């Protein structure tokens, strides 16, 4: 992907009930993903070999990283180191903006 990306032209993909994602842009070193949650939506605890920085664009989320839980709201962010177990529960409908390095090849349809 190069140049300008018009968000409204990028399709939402259902990840699981109450959770959708929109891959905004990526190359082999970096990926930006918007994840939309309904209240009660769960980003199940998982781990991956990528560095992840997440910004809370809207809503309220309970975030767990490496066994520690915090409630984050609009404007907050977090960093999940590679291979550290982390997950999210949406307490109030919202959107997370995830940046991954390197890009998540598993997010790209084959």
N, C-alpha and C. Protein backbone atom coordinates (compact mmCIF):
# COMPACT_ATOMS: atom_id res chain seq x y z
N UNK A 1 0.86 -1.18 0.00
CA UNK A 1 0.00 0.00 0.00
C UNK A 1 0.90 1.23 0.00
N UNK A 2 0.56 2.18 -0.85
CA UNK A 2 1.35 3.41 -0.92
C UNK A 2 0.43 4.60 -1.06
N UNK A 3 0.95 5.75 -0.69
CA UNK A 3 0.22 6.99 -0.90
C UNK A 3 -0.90 7.19 0.08
N UNK A 4 -1.99 7.69 -0.42
CA UNK A 4 -3.13 8.08 0.41
C UNK A 4 -4.13 6.93 0.55
N UNK A 5 -4.68 6.80 1.75
CA UNK A 5 -5.69 5.79 2.01
C UNK A 5 -6.96 6.52 2.45
N UNK A 6 -8.07 6.29 1.75
CA UNK A 6 -9.34 6.90 2.10
C UNK A 6 -10.11 5.88 2.95
N UNK A 7 -10.23 6.19 4.24
CA UNK A 7 -10.78 5.22 5.19
C UNK A 7 -12.13 4.66 4.77
N UNK A 8 -13.02 5.50 4.30
CA UNK A 8 -14.37 5.02 3.97
C UNK A 8 -14.39 4.03 2.82
N UNK A 9 -13.28 3.92 2.08
CA UNK A 9 -13.20 2.95 0.98
C UNK A 9 -12.66 1.60 1.44
N UNK A 10 -12.21 1.54 2.70
CA UNK A 10 -11.66 0.30 3.25
C UNK A 10 -12.78 -0.44 3.98
N UNK A 11 -12.98 -1.70 3.67
CA UNK A 11 -14.08 -2.49 4.23
C UNK A 11 -13.81 -2.93 5.66
N UNK A 12 -14.87 -3.01 6.46
CA UNK A 12 -14.81 -3.60 7.79
C UNK A 12 -14.88 -5.12 7.64
N UNK A 13 -14.16 -5.82 8.50
CA UNK A 13 -14.18 -7.29 8.54
C UNK A 13 -14.62 -7.71 9.93
N UNK A 14 -15.57 -8.63 10.02
CA UNK A 14 -16.00 -9.12 11.33
C UNK A 14 -14.96 -10.09 11.86
N UNK A 15 -14.47 -9.81 13.06
CA UNK A 15 -13.46 -10.66 13.69
C UNK A 15 -14.14 -11.70 14.57
N UNK A 16 -15.07 -11.23 15.37
CA UNK A 16 -15.92 -12.08 16.20
C UNK A 16 -17.12 -11.24 16.59
N UNK A 17 -18.07 -11.83 17.30
CA UNK A 17 -19.27 -11.08 17.66
C UNK A 17 -18.91 -9.82 18.43
N UNK A 18 -19.42 -8.69 17.94
CA UNK A 18 -19.19 -7.41 18.61
C UNK A 18 -17.85 -6.77 18.31
N UNK A 19 -17.07 -7.36 17.38
CA UNK A 19 -15.74 -6.83 17.07
C UNK A 19 -15.53 -6.86 15.56
N UNK A 20 -15.17 -5.70 15.01
CA UNK A 20 -14.84 -5.59 13.58
C UNK A 20 -13.52 -4.86 13.43
N UNK A 21 -12.78 -5.17 12.35
CA UNK A 21 -11.54 -4.45 12.11
C UNK A 21 -11.47 -3.97 10.67
N UNK A 22 -10.71 -2.91 10.52
CA UNK A 22 -10.49 -2.29 9.22
C UNK A 22 -8.97 -2.08 9.11
N UNK A 23 -8.35 -2.77 8.17
CA UNK A 23 -6.91 -2.61 7.97
C UNK A 23 -6.71 -1.33 7.18
N UNK A 24 -6.10 -0.35 7.82
CA UNK A 24 -5.97 0.97 7.22
C UNK A 24 -4.80 1.01 6.23
N UNK A 25 -3.62 0.59 6.66
CA UNK A 25 -2.45 0.64 5.79
C UNK A 25 -1.38 -0.29 6.36
N UNK A 26 -0.48 -0.74 5.46
CA UNK A 26 0.62 -1.58 5.92
C UNK A 26 1.68 -1.71 4.84
N UNK A 27 2.87 -2.05 5.29
CA UNK A 27 3.93 -2.59 4.45
C UNK A 27 4.56 -3.70 5.28
N UNK A 28 5.66 -4.25 4.87
CA UNK A 28 6.22 -5.39 5.60
C UNK A 28 6.73 -5.03 6.99
N UNK A 29 6.95 -3.74 7.27
CA UNK A 29 7.51 -3.33 8.57
C UNK A 29 6.50 -2.77 9.55
N UNK A 30 5.33 -2.35 9.06
CA UNK A 30 4.40 -1.61 9.90
C UNK A 30 2.96 -1.81 9.42
N UNK A 31 2.02 -1.84 10.38
CA UNK A 31 0.60 -1.98 10.02
C UNK A 31 -0.24 -1.15 10.96
N UNK A 32 -1.28 -0.49 10.40
CA UNK A 32 -2.23 0.29 11.18
C UNK A 32 -3.62 -0.31 10.98
N UNK A 33 -4.29 -0.63 12.10
CA UNK A 33 -5.59 -1.31 12.06
C UNK A 33 -6.55 -0.61 13.02
N UNK A 34 -7.76 -0.36 12.54
CA UNK A 34 -8.81 0.21 13.39
C UNK A 34 -9.72 -0.94 13.80
N UNK A 35 -10.03 -1.03 15.10
CA UNK A 35 -10.88 -2.11 15.60
C UNK A 35 -12.08 -1.48 16.31
N UNK A 36 -13.27 -1.82 15.85
CA UNK A 36 -14.51 -1.26 16.38
C UNK A 36 -15.18 -2.31 17.27
N UNK A 37 -15.54 -1.91 18.49
CA UNK A 37 -16.14 -2.81 19.47
C UNK A 37 -17.53 -2.32 19.87
N UNK A 38 -18.46 -3.24 19.98
CA UNK A 38 -19.73 -2.97 20.64
C UNK A 38 -19.49 -3.20 22.13
N UNK A 39 -20.33 -2.60 22.97
CA UNK A 39 -20.22 -2.83 24.41
C UNK A 39 -20.31 -4.33 24.67
N UNK A 40 -19.38 -4.85 25.45
CA UNK A 40 -19.33 -6.28 25.75
C UNK A 40 -18.47 -7.07 24.78
N UNK A 41 -18.05 -6.45 23.68
CA UNK A 41 -17.17 -7.13 22.72
C UNK A 41 -15.83 -7.47 23.38
N UNK A 42 -15.27 -8.61 22.98
CA UNK A 42 -14.03 -9.09 23.60
C UNK A 42 -12.96 -9.32 22.55
N UNK A 43 -11.82 -8.75 22.80
CA UNK A 43 -10.61 -9.10 22.05
C UNK A 43 -9.92 -10.15 22.91
N UNK A 44 -10.14 -11.41 22.60
CA UNK A 44 -9.66 -12.51 23.45
C UNK A 44 -8.16 -12.40 23.71
N UNK A 45 -7.76 -12.81 24.90
CA UNK A 45 -6.34 -12.79 25.27
C UNK A 45 -5.54 -13.62 24.26
N UNK A 46 -4.44 -13.04 23.82
CA UNK A 46 -3.62 -13.69 22.79
C UNK A 46 -2.20 -13.13 22.89
N UNK A 47 -1.31 -13.72 22.15
CA UNK A 47 0.05 -13.21 22.07
C UNK A 47 0.53 -13.38 20.63
N UNK A 48 1.47 -12.56 20.24
CA UNK A 48 2.04 -12.62 18.89
C UNK A 48 3.45 -12.04 18.93
N UNK A 49 4.26 -12.31 17.92
CA UNK A 49 5.65 -11.87 17.93
C UNK A 49 5.86 -10.41 17.52
N UNK A 50 4.77 -9.65 17.41
CA UNK A 50 4.84 -8.26 16.95
C UNK A 50 4.81 -7.30 18.13
N UNK A 51 5.47 -6.16 18.01
CA UNK A 51 5.27 -5.05 18.95
C UNK A 51 3.94 -4.42 18.59
N UNK A 52 3.18 -4.01 19.61
CA UNK A 52 1.87 -3.40 19.37
C UNK A 52 1.71 -2.17 20.25
N UNK A 53 1.31 -1.08 19.62
CA UNK A 53 0.91 0.12 20.34
C UNK A 53 -0.54 0.38 19.97
N UNK A 54 -1.39 0.61 20.98
CA UNK A 54 -2.81 0.83 20.74
C UNK A 54 -3.23 2.15 21.37
N UNK A 55 -4.00 2.91 20.61
CA UNK A 55 -4.56 4.18 21.05
C UNK A 55 -6.08 4.02 21.15
N UNK A 56 -6.65 4.47 22.25
CA UNK A 56 -8.11 4.40 22.44
C UNK A 56 -8.70 5.65 21.78
N UNK A 57 -9.30 5.43 20.62
CA UNK A 57 -9.90 6.54 19.86
C UNK A 57 -11.22 6.97 20.48
N UNK A 58 -11.98 5.99 21.01
CA UNK A 58 -13.25 6.30 21.68
C UNK A 58 -13.63 5.10 22.55
N UNK A 59 -14.57 5.33 23.47
CA UNK A 59 -15.06 4.25 24.31
C UNK A 59 -14.26 4.05 25.58
N UNK A 60 -14.59 2.96 26.27
CA UNK A 60 -13.91 2.57 27.52
C UNK A 60 -13.62 1.08 27.44
N UNK A 61 -12.40 0.69 27.78
CA UNK A 61 -11.95 -0.69 27.65
C UNK A 61 -11.21 -1.14 28.89
N UNK A 62 -11.43 -2.40 29.27
CA UNK A 62 -10.57 -3.03 30.27
C UNK A 62 -9.50 -3.78 29.48
N UNK A 63 -8.26 -3.37 29.67
CA UNK A 63 -7.13 -3.94 28.95
C UNK A 63 -6.31 -4.76 29.93
N UNK A 64 -5.94 -5.95 29.50
CA UNK A 64 -5.05 -6.79 30.31
C UNK A 64 -3.77 -7.04 29.53
N UNK A 65 -2.64 -6.78 30.18
CA UNK A 65 -1.32 -7.03 29.58
C UNK A 65 -0.48 -7.76 30.61
N UNK A 66 -0.05 -8.97 30.26
CA UNK A 66 0.82 -9.73 31.15
C UNK A 66 0.25 -9.93 32.54
N UNK A 67 -1.08 -10.09 32.64
CA UNK A 67 -1.72 -10.33 33.93
C UNK A 67 -2.15 -9.08 34.68
N UNK A 68 -1.78 -7.89 34.19
CA UNK A 68 -2.19 -6.63 34.83
C UNK A 68 -3.35 -6.02 34.06
N UNK A 69 -4.40 -5.60 34.79
CA UNK A 69 -5.57 -5.01 34.15
C UNK A 69 -5.67 -3.53 34.48
N UNK A 70 -6.09 -2.76 33.47
CA UNK A 70 -6.36 -1.33 33.64
C UNK A 70 -7.55 -0.96 32.79
N UNK A 71 -8.32 0.03 33.25
CA UNK A 71 -9.41 0.57 32.46
C UNK A 71 -8.88 1.81 31.73
N UNK A 72 -9.00 1.79 30.39
CA UNK A 72 -8.54 2.89 29.57
C UNK A 72 -9.71 3.52 28.83
N UNK A 73 -9.61 4.82 28.59
CA UNK A 73 -10.66 5.57 27.90
C UNK A 73 -10.05 6.41 26.79
N UNK A 74 -10.90 7.12 26.08
CA UNK A 74 -10.48 7.96 24.95
C UNK A 74 -9.21 8.74 25.29
N UNK A 75 -8.22 8.65 24.41
CA UNK A 75 -6.97 9.37 24.59
C UNK A 75 -5.88 8.57 25.26
N UNK A 76 -6.23 7.47 25.92
CA UNK A 76 -5.23 6.61 26.57
C UNK A 76 -4.62 5.68 25.53
N UNK A 77 -3.52 5.06 25.89
CA UNK A 77 -2.88 4.09 24.99
C UNK A 77 -2.14 3.05 25.80
N UNK A 78 -1.68 2.01 25.10
CA UNK A 78 -0.87 0.99 25.75
C UNK A 78 0.10 0.37 24.77
N UNK A 79 1.12 -0.25 25.33
CA UNK A 79 2.13 -0.96 24.55
C UNK A 79 2.15 -2.41 25.00
N UNK A 80 2.03 -3.33 24.06
CA UNK A 80 2.14 -4.76 24.35
C UNK A 80 3.41 -5.26 23.68
N UNK A 81 4.35 -5.70 24.50
CA UNK A 81 5.61 -6.23 23.97
C UNK A 81 5.36 -7.52 23.20
N UNK A 82 6.28 -7.88 22.31
CA UNK A 82 6.15 -9.15 21.60
C UNK A 82 6.01 -10.32 22.56
N UNK A 83 5.14 -11.25 22.22
CA UNK A 83 4.93 -12.50 22.94
C UNK A 83 4.37 -12.35 24.36
N UNK A 84 3.82 -11.17 24.69
CA UNK A 84 3.19 -10.98 26.00
C UNK A 84 1.68 -11.13 25.83
N UNK A 85 1.06 -11.93 26.69
CA UNK A 85 -0.38 -12.17 26.64
C UNK A 85 -1.13 -10.87 26.92
N UNK A 86 -2.09 -10.53 26.04
CA UNK A 86 -2.87 -9.31 26.22
C UNK A 86 -4.24 -9.49 25.58
N UNK A 87 -5.20 -8.69 26.05
CA UNK A 87 -6.56 -8.75 25.53
C UNK A 87 -7.35 -7.54 25.97
N UNK A 88 -8.59 -7.43 25.46
CA UNK A 88 -9.43 -6.27 25.75
C UNK A 88 -10.88 -6.69 25.91
N UNK A 89 -11.57 -6.00 26.82
CA UNK A 89 -13.02 -6.13 26.97
C UNK A 89 -13.58 -4.73 26.85
N UNK A 90 -14.56 -4.57 25.97
CA UNK A 90 -15.15 -3.25 25.75
C UNK A 90 -16.24 -2.99 26.79
N UNK A 91 -16.03 -1.99 27.62
CA UNK A 91 -16.99 -1.63 28.66
C UNK A 91 -18.01 -0.61 28.15
N UNK A 92 -17.60 0.17 27.15
CA UNK A 92 -18.46 1.18 26.55
C UNK A 92 -18.07 1.29 25.09
N UNK A 93 -19.00 1.09 24.18
CA UNK A 93 -18.75 1.05 22.74
C UNK A 93 -17.62 2.00 22.33
N UNK A 94 -16.70 1.48 21.50
CA UNK A 94 -15.59 2.33 21.10
C UNK A 94 -14.71 1.74 20.02
N UNK A 95 -13.62 2.45 19.77
CA UNK A 95 -12.69 2.09 18.70
C UNK A 95 -11.27 2.15 19.23
N UNK A 96 -10.49 1.11 18.89
CA UNK A 96 -9.06 1.08 19.18
C UNK A 96 -8.30 1.21 17.86
N UNK A 97 -7.20 1.93 17.90
CA UNK A 97 -6.32 2.06 16.75
C UNK A 97 -5.02 1.35 17.08
N UNK A 98 -4.76 0.22 16.38
CA UNK A 98 -3.60 -0.63 16.65
C UNK A 98 -2.51 -0.39 15.61
N UNK A 99 -1.28 -0.28 16.09
CA UNK A 99 -0.11 -0.23 15.21
C UNK A 99 0.75 -1.45 15.54
N UNK A 100 1.17 -2.18 14.52
CA UNK A 100 1.98 -3.39 14.70
C UNK A 100 3.28 -3.26 13.92
N UNK A 101 4.35 -3.78 14.53
CA UNK A 101 5.62 -3.87 13.84
C UNK A 101 6.26 -5.21 14.19
N UNK A 102 6.65 -6.01 13.20
CA UNK A 102 6.32 -5.83 11.78
C UNK A 102 4.82 -6.04 11.55
N UNK A 103 4.40 -5.92 10.32
CA UNK A 103 2.98 -6.07 9.98
C UNK A 103 2.47 -7.46 10.33
N UNK A 104 1.16 -7.57 10.55
CA UNK A 104 0.52 -8.85 10.89
C UNK A 104 0.13 -9.57 9.60
N UNK A 105 0.97 -10.47 9.13
CA UNK A 105 0.65 -11.23 7.91
C UNK A 105 -0.63 -12.03 8.07
N UNK A 106 -0.93 -12.47 9.31
CA UNK A 106 -2.13 -13.26 9.53
C UNK A 106 -3.42 -12.45 9.35
N UNK A 107 -3.34 -11.14 9.27
CA UNK A 107 -4.53 -10.30 9.05
C UNK A 107 -4.86 -10.15 7.56
N UNK A 108 -3.93 -10.49 6.69
CA UNK A 108 -4.11 -10.29 5.24
C UNK A 108 -4.75 -11.55 4.65
N UNK A 109 -5.91 -11.37 3.98
CA UNK A 109 -6.57 -12.54 3.38
C UNK A 109 -5.67 -13.18 2.32
N UNK A 110 -5.68 -14.50 2.27
CA UNK A 110 -4.85 -15.17 1.27
C UNK A 110 -5.54 -15.32 -0.04
